[in-house]
């Protein structure tokens, strides 16, 4: 399944918020992302249709197993790339913004090569 960048951003946001609290609501996602309630509602509906997000018995958002796997992958890309850029001397704000854009388009092969390079570099 190939999600668009916006879908990946929603999954990543739900993942990040769920690390801070087990009770994530649609309104929390909207506030975090700066999006309107109708936009969030539509996006979450699409993610539900894809089987990536569900609501628990109390109405809180939960990532499905597939959603969590996808969200963790995107979040890892974000954190690894941002740290790499900061280590290269890029301002933290710019590094984070650039990582946020790149994380959605970089191939698995290139990202894996970057991680391996970082591992080798840290050993030396």
N, C-alpha and C. Protein backbone atom coordinates (compact mmCIF):
# COMPACT_ATOMS: atom_id res chain seq x y z
N UNK A 1 0.84 -1.16 0.00
CA UNK A 1 0.00 0.00 0.00
C UNK A 1 0.89 1.23 0.00
N UNK A 2 0.63 2.13 -0.90
CA UNK A 2 1.41 3.35 -1.01
C UNK A 2 0.58 4.53 -0.51
N UNK A 3 0.95 5.05 0.63
CA UNK A 3 0.25 6.21 1.18
C UNK A 3 0.84 7.47 0.60
N UNK A 4 0.00 8.48 0.52
CA UNK A 4 0.51 9.78 0.13
C UNK A 4 1.18 10.42 1.34
N UNK A 5 1.94 11.46 1.10
CA UNK A 5 2.66 12.14 2.16
C UNK A 5 1.73 12.54 3.31
N UNK A 6 0.56 13.07 2.99
CA UNK A 6 -0.35 13.53 4.04
C UNK A 6 -0.80 12.37 4.93
N UNK A 7 -1.08 11.23 4.36
CA UNK A 7 -1.45 10.06 5.15
C UNK A 7 -0.34 9.63 6.08
N UNK A 8 0.88 9.67 5.57
CA UNK A 8 2.03 9.32 6.40
C UNK A 8 2.20 10.31 7.54
N UNK A 9 1.94 11.58 7.27
CA UNK A 9 2.05 12.60 8.32
C UNK A 9 1.03 12.35 9.43
N UNK A 10 -0.18 11.97 9.06
CA UNK A 10 -1.20 11.65 10.07
C UNK A 10 -0.77 10.44 10.90
N UNK A 11 -0.28 9.39 10.25
CA UNK A 11 0.16 8.22 11.00
C UNK A 11 1.29 8.57 11.95
N UNK A 12 2.24 9.33 11.46
CA UNK A 12 3.37 9.73 12.31
C UNK A 12 2.89 10.57 13.49
N UNK A 13 1.95 11.46 13.25
CA UNK A 13 1.42 12.30 14.32
C UNK A 13 0.71 11.46 15.37
N UNK A 14 -0.11 10.53 14.94
CA UNK A 14 -0.79 9.65 15.89
C UNK A 14 0.23 8.86 16.69
N UNK A 15 1.26 8.38 16.03
CA UNK A 15 2.32 7.62 16.71
C UNK A 15 3.01 8.49 17.76
N UNK A 16 3.41 9.70 17.39
CA UNK A 16 4.10 10.60 18.31
C UNK A 16 3.20 10.93 19.50
N UNK A 17 1.95 11.26 19.23
CA UNK A 17 1.03 11.59 20.31
C UNK A 17 0.77 10.38 21.22
N UNK A 18 0.73 9.19 20.63
CA UNK A 18 0.48 7.99 21.43
C UNK A 18 1.67 7.63 22.32
N UNK A 19 2.85 8.15 22.01
CA UNK A 19 4.01 7.94 22.86
C UNK A 19 3.93 8.81 24.12
N UNK A 20 3.15 9.89 24.02
CA UNK A 20 2.98 10.81 25.15
C UNK A 20 1.75 10.48 25.98
N UNK A 21 0.72 9.90 25.36
CA UNK A 21 -0.53 9.59 26.04
C UNK A 21 -1.22 8.45 25.32
N UNK A 22 -1.84 7.58 26.09
CA UNK A 22 -2.57 6.46 25.47
C UNK A 22 -3.93 6.91 24.94
N UNK A 23 -4.30 8.14 25.24
CA UNK A 23 -5.59 8.66 24.82
C UNK A 23 -5.41 9.75 23.75
N UNK A 24 -5.42 9.34 22.51
CA UNK A 24 -5.26 10.26 21.38
C UNK A 24 -6.60 10.44 20.71
N UNK A 25 -7.02 11.68 20.58
CA UNK A 25 -8.30 12.00 19.94
C UNK A 25 -8.03 12.71 18.61
N UNK A 26 -9.03 12.73 17.77
CA UNK A 26 -8.92 13.42 16.48
C UNK A 26 -8.59 14.89 16.70
N UNK A 27 -9.18 15.48 17.73
CA UNK A 27 -8.92 16.90 18.00
C UNK A 27 -7.45 17.14 18.35
N UNK A 28 -6.83 16.16 19.04
CA UNK A 28 -5.41 16.27 19.37
C UNK A 28 -4.56 16.26 18.11
N UNK A 29 -4.94 15.41 17.17
CA UNK A 29 -4.22 15.31 15.89
C UNK A 29 -4.34 16.63 15.15
N UNK A 30 -5.55 17.19 15.09
CA UNK A 30 -5.77 18.45 14.41
C UNK A 30 -4.97 19.59 15.03
N UNK A 31 -4.96 19.66 16.35
CA UNK A 31 -4.21 20.72 17.03
C UNK A 31 -2.71 20.57 16.78
N UNK A 32 -2.21 19.36 16.84
CA UNK A 32 -0.78 19.09 16.64
C UNK A 32 -0.34 19.48 15.23
N UNK A 33 -1.20 19.15 14.27
CA UNK A 33 -0.85 19.39 12.87
C UNK A 33 -1.29 20.76 12.37
N UNK A 34 -2.18 21.42 13.10
CA UNK A 34 -2.68 22.71 12.67
C UNK A 34 -3.72 22.60 11.56
N UNK A 35 -4.48 21.50 11.55
CA UNK A 35 -5.47 21.27 10.51
C UNK A 35 -6.88 21.39 11.09
N UNK A 36 -7.83 21.69 10.23
CA UNK A 36 -9.23 21.83 10.65
C UNK A 36 -9.85 20.47 10.95
N UNK A 37 -10.92 20.49 11.71
CA UNK A 37 -11.63 19.27 12.09
C UNK A 37 -12.11 18.48 10.86
N UNK A 38 -12.70 19.16 9.84
CA UNK A 38 -13.14 18.40 8.65
C UNK A 38 -11.97 17.73 7.91
N UNK A 39 -10.83 18.42 7.84
CA UNK A 39 -9.67 17.83 7.17
C UNK A 39 -9.19 16.59 7.90
N UNK A 40 -9.12 16.69 9.22
CA UNK A 40 -8.67 15.57 10.04
C UNK A 40 -9.66 14.41 9.92
N UNK A 41 -10.95 14.74 9.96
CA UNK A 41 -11.99 13.71 9.86
C UNK A 41 -11.88 12.93 8.56
N UNK A 42 -11.69 13.65 7.47
CA UNK A 42 -11.57 13.00 6.16
C UNK A 42 -10.33 12.11 6.10
N UNK A 43 -9.20 12.65 6.56
CA UNK A 43 -7.95 11.87 6.51
C UNK A 43 -8.04 10.62 7.38
N UNK A 44 -8.60 10.77 8.56
CA UNK A 44 -8.72 9.61 9.44
C UNK A 44 -9.68 8.57 8.86
N UNK A 45 -10.71 9.03 8.18
CA UNK A 45 -11.62 8.10 7.50
C UNK A 45 -10.89 7.29 6.45
N UNK A 46 -10.04 7.94 5.69
CA UNK A 46 -9.27 7.24 4.66
C UNK A 46 -8.30 6.24 5.29
N UNK A 47 -7.67 6.64 6.40
CA UNK A 47 -6.74 5.73 7.08
C UNK A 47 -7.49 4.54 7.69
N UNK A 48 -8.70 4.77 8.15
CA UNK A 48 -9.52 3.66 8.66
C UNK A 48 -9.84 2.69 7.53
N UNK A 49 -10.23 3.24 6.38
CA UNK A 49 -10.54 2.40 5.21
C UNK A 49 -9.35 1.55 4.80
N UNK A 50 -8.15 2.10 4.97
CA UNK A 50 -6.93 1.36 4.61
C UNK A 50 -6.53 0.36 5.71
N UNK A 51 -7.24 0.39 6.83
CA UNK A 51 -6.93 -0.53 7.92
C UNK A 51 -5.71 -0.12 8.73
N UNK A 52 -5.41 1.16 8.76
CA UNK A 52 -4.22 1.64 9.46
C UNK A 52 -4.53 2.27 10.81
N UNK A 53 -5.78 2.71 10.98
CA UNK A 53 -6.21 3.38 12.20
C UNK A 53 -7.58 2.83 12.59
N UNK A 54 -7.83 2.77 13.88
CA UNK A 54 -9.16 2.37 14.38
C UNK A 54 -9.45 3.18 15.63
N UNK A 55 -10.68 3.11 16.08
CA UNK A 55 -11.06 3.74 17.34
C UNK A 55 -11.28 2.63 18.36
N UNK A 56 -10.82 2.87 19.59
CA UNK A 56 -11.07 1.88 20.63
C UNK A 56 -12.49 2.06 21.19
N UNK A 57 -12.85 1.30 22.20
CA UNK A 57 -14.21 1.33 22.75
C UNK A 57 -14.59 2.71 23.30
N UNK A 58 -13.57 3.49 23.71
CA UNK A 58 -13.83 4.82 24.25
C UNK A 58 -13.72 5.92 23.19
N UNK A 59 -13.49 5.54 21.94
CA UNK A 59 -13.42 6.50 20.85
C UNK A 59 -12.04 7.09 20.59
N UNK A 60 -11.03 6.61 21.33
CA UNK A 60 -9.68 7.12 21.12
C UNK A 60 -9.05 6.44 19.90
N UNK A 61 -8.17 7.17 19.23
CA UNK A 61 -7.50 6.65 18.04
C UNK A 61 -6.41 5.66 18.43
N UNK A 62 -6.33 4.59 17.69
CA UNK A 62 -5.29 3.58 17.87
C UNK A 62 -4.77 3.20 16.49
N UNK A 63 -3.48 3.03 16.39
CA UNK A 63 -2.90 2.51 15.16
C UNK A 63 -3.10 1.01 15.14
N UNK A 64 -3.46 0.47 14.00
CA UNK A 64 -3.50 -0.98 13.85
C UNK A 64 -2.06 -1.46 13.76
N UNK A 65 -1.87 -2.76 13.75
CA UNK A 65 -0.50 -3.31 13.62
C UNK A 65 0.16 -2.76 12.36
N UNK A 66 -0.56 -2.79 11.24
CA UNK A 66 -0.01 -2.27 9.98
C UNK A 66 0.25 -0.77 10.08
N UNK A 67 -0.66 -0.05 10.72
CA UNK A 67 -0.48 1.39 10.89
C UNK A 67 0.72 1.72 11.74
N UNK A 68 0.92 0.94 12.80
CA UNK A 68 2.06 1.17 13.68
C UNK A 68 3.38 0.88 12.97
N UNK A 69 3.42 -0.17 12.21
CA UNK A 69 4.64 -0.50 11.45
C UNK A 69 4.98 0.65 10.51
N UNK A 70 3.98 1.13 9.79
CA UNK A 70 4.20 2.22 8.84
C UNK A 70 4.62 3.50 9.58
N UNK A 71 3.94 3.81 10.67
CA UNK A 71 4.24 5.02 11.44
C UNK A 71 5.65 4.98 12.02
N UNK A 72 6.04 3.84 12.56
CA UNK A 72 7.39 3.70 13.12
C UNK A 72 8.45 3.89 12.05
N UNK A 73 8.17 3.37 10.85
CA UNK A 73 9.12 3.51 9.74
C UNK A 73 9.31 4.98 9.38
N UNK A 74 8.22 5.71 9.28
CA UNK A 74 8.28 7.13 8.94
C UNK A 74 8.98 7.90 10.06
N UNK A 75 8.62 7.61 11.29
CA UNK A 75 9.22 8.32 12.43
C UNK A 75 10.72 8.05 12.51
N UNK A 76 11.13 6.80 12.26
CA UNK A 76 12.56 6.48 12.26
C UNK A 76 13.28 7.29 11.19
N UNK A 77 12.70 7.36 10.01
CA UNK A 77 13.32 8.14 8.94
C UNK A 77 13.48 9.59 9.38
N UNK A 78 12.42 10.12 9.98
CA UNK A 78 12.45 11.52 10.42
C UNK A 78 13.57 11.74 11.43
N UNK A 79 13.65 10.90 12.45
CA UNK A 79 14.62 11.11 13.51
C UNK A 79 16.05 10.88 13.03
N UNK A 80 16.27 9.85 12.24
CA UNK A 80 17.62 9.56 11.74
C UNK A 80 18.10 10.68 10.82
N UNK A 81 17.24 11.10 9.89
CA UNK A 81 17.64 12.15 8.96
C UNK A 81 17.86 13.48 9.67
N UNK A 82 16.98 13.84 10.59
CA UNK A 82 17.15 15.10 11.31
C UNK A 82 18.46 15.10 12.09
N UNK A 83 18.75 14.00 12.78
CA UNK A 83 20.00 13.91 13.54
C UNK A 83 21.22 13.99 12.62
N UNK A 84 21.14 13.32 11.49
CA UNK A 84 22.24 13.37 10.53
C UNK A 84 22.49 14.80 10.08
N UNK A 85 21.44 15.51 9.71
CA UNK A 85 21.58 16.88 9.24
C UNK A 85 22.13 17.79 10.34
N UNK A 86 21.66 17.60 11.56
CA UNK A 86 22.18 18.40 12.69
C UNK A 86 23.65 18.10 12.90
N UNK A 87 24.03 16.82 12.85
CA UNK A 87 25.43 16.43 13.00
C UNK A 87 26.31 17.02 11.90
N UNK A 88 25.70 17.26 10.74
CA UNK A 88 26.44 17.88 9.63
C UNK A 88 26.57 19.40 9.79
N UNK A 89 25.90 19.94 10.82
CA UNK A 89 26.00 21.37 11.08
C UNK A 89 24.80 22.19 10.65
N UNK A 90 23.75 21.53 10.22
CA UNK A 90 22.54 22.25 9.80
C UNK A 90 21.78 22.70 11.05
N UNK A 91 21.25 23.90 11.02
CA UNK A 91 20.43 24.41 12.11
C UNK A 91 19.31 23.42 12.42
N UNK A 92 19.00 23.22 13.70
CA UNK A 92 18.03 22.20 14.11
C UNK A 92 16.66 22.39 13.46
N UNK A 93 16.18 23.62 13.40
CA UNK A 93 14.87 23.88 12.80
C UNK A 93 14.86 23.50 11.33
N UNK A 94 15.88 23.90 10.61
CA UNK A 94 15.98 23.58 9.18
C UNK A 94 16.17 22.07 8.99
N UNK A 95 17.02 21.47 9.81
CA UNK A 95 17.25 20.02 9.72
C UNK A 95 15.96 19.24 9.91
N UNK A 96 15.16 19.66 10.88
CA UNK A 96 13.89 18.98 11.15
C UNK A 96 12.91 19.17 10.01
N UNK A 97 12.84 20.37 9.48
CA UNK A 97 11.93 20.63 8.35
C UNK A 97 12.35 19.84 7.12
N UNK A 98 13.66 19.82 6.83
CA UNK A 98 14.14 19.06 5.67
C UNK A 98 13.89 17.56 5.84
N UNK A 99 14.16 17.05 7.04
CA UNK A 99 13.93 15.63 7.31
C UNK A 99 12.45 15.28 7.11
N UNK A 100 11.57 16.19 7.53
CA UNK A 100 10.14 15.97 7.41
C UNK A 100 9.72 15.85 5.94
N UNK A 101 10.36 16.60 5.09
CA UNK A 101 10.02 16.51 3.65
C UNK A 101 10.64 15.26 3.01
N UNK A 102 11.89 15.01 3.34
CA UNK A 102 12.61 13.91 2.70
C UNK A 102 12.09 12.54 3.14
N UNK A 103 11.67 12.42 4.40
CA UNK A 103 11.25 11.12 4.94
C UNK A 103 10.17 10.44 4.12
N UNK A 104 9.41 11.19 3.36
CA UNK A 104 8.30 10.62 2.59
C UNK A 104 8.71 10.16 1.20
N UNK A 105 9.88 10.57 0.76
CA UNK A 105 10.27 10.29 -0.63
C UNK A 105 11.53 9.45 -0.77
N UNK A 106 12.31 9.34 0.28
CA UNK A 106 13.55 8.59 0.19
C UNK A 106 13.23 7.09 0.05
N UNK A 107 13.98 6.41 -0.78
CA UNK A 107 13.74 4.98 -0.98
C UNK A 107 14.27 4.19 0.22
N UNK A 108 13.74 2.98 0.38
CA UNK A 108 14.22 2.11 1.45
C UNK A 108 15.71 1.83 1.26
N UNK A 109 16.12 1.61 0.03
CA UNK A 109 17.52 1.30 -0.26
C UNK A 109 18.45 2.44 0.17
N UNK A 110 18.08 3.66 -0.18
CA UNK A 110 18.91 4.81 0.19
C UNK A 110 18.91 5.02 1.69
N UNK A 111 17.75 4.91 2.32
CA UNK A 111 17.68 5.10 3.77
C UNK A 111 18.50 4.04 4.49
N UNK A 112 18.39 2.80 4.07
CA UNK A 112 19.18 1.73 4.68
C UNK A 112 20.67 1.98 4.52
N UNK A 113 21.07 2.50 3.36
CA UNK A 113 22.49 2.81 3.13
C UNK A 113 22.95 3.94 4.06
N UNK A 114 22.10 4.91 4.28
CA UNK A 114 22.44 6.01 5.20
C UNK A 114 22.61 5.46 6.61
N UNK A 115 21.70 4.60 7.04
CA UNK A 115 21.82 4.02 8.39
C UNK A 115 23.11 3.21 8.53
N UNK A 116 23.44 2.42 7.50
CA UNK A 116 24.68 1.64 7.54
C UNK A 116 25.90 2.55 7.58
N UNK A 117 25.87 3.61 6.82
CA UNK A 117 26.98 4.57 6.82
C UNK A 117 27.16 5.19 8.21
N UNK A 118 26.06 5.55 8.82
CA UNK A 118 26.12 6.14 10.17
C UNK A 118 26.72 5.13 11.16
N UNK A 119 26.30 3.88 11.07
CA UNK A 119 26.84 2.83 11.95
C UNK A 119 28.34 2.69 11.77
N UNK A 120 28.80 2.65 10.52
CA UNK A 120 30.23 2.52 10.24
C UNK A 120 30.99 3.74 10.73
N UNK A 121 30.41 4.91 10.52
CA UNK A 121 31.06 6.16 10.91
C UNK A 121 31.23 6.21 12.43
N UNK A 122 30.22 5.76 13.16
CA UNK A 122 30.29 5.79 14.63
C UNK A 122 31.31 4.81 15.17
N UNK A 123 31.57 3.72 14.45
CA UNK A 123 32.56 2.73 14.87
C UNK A 123 33.97 3.28 14.73
N UNK A 124 34.19 4.11 13.72
CA UNK A 124 35.54 4.64 13.45
C UNK A 124 35.96 5.70 14.42
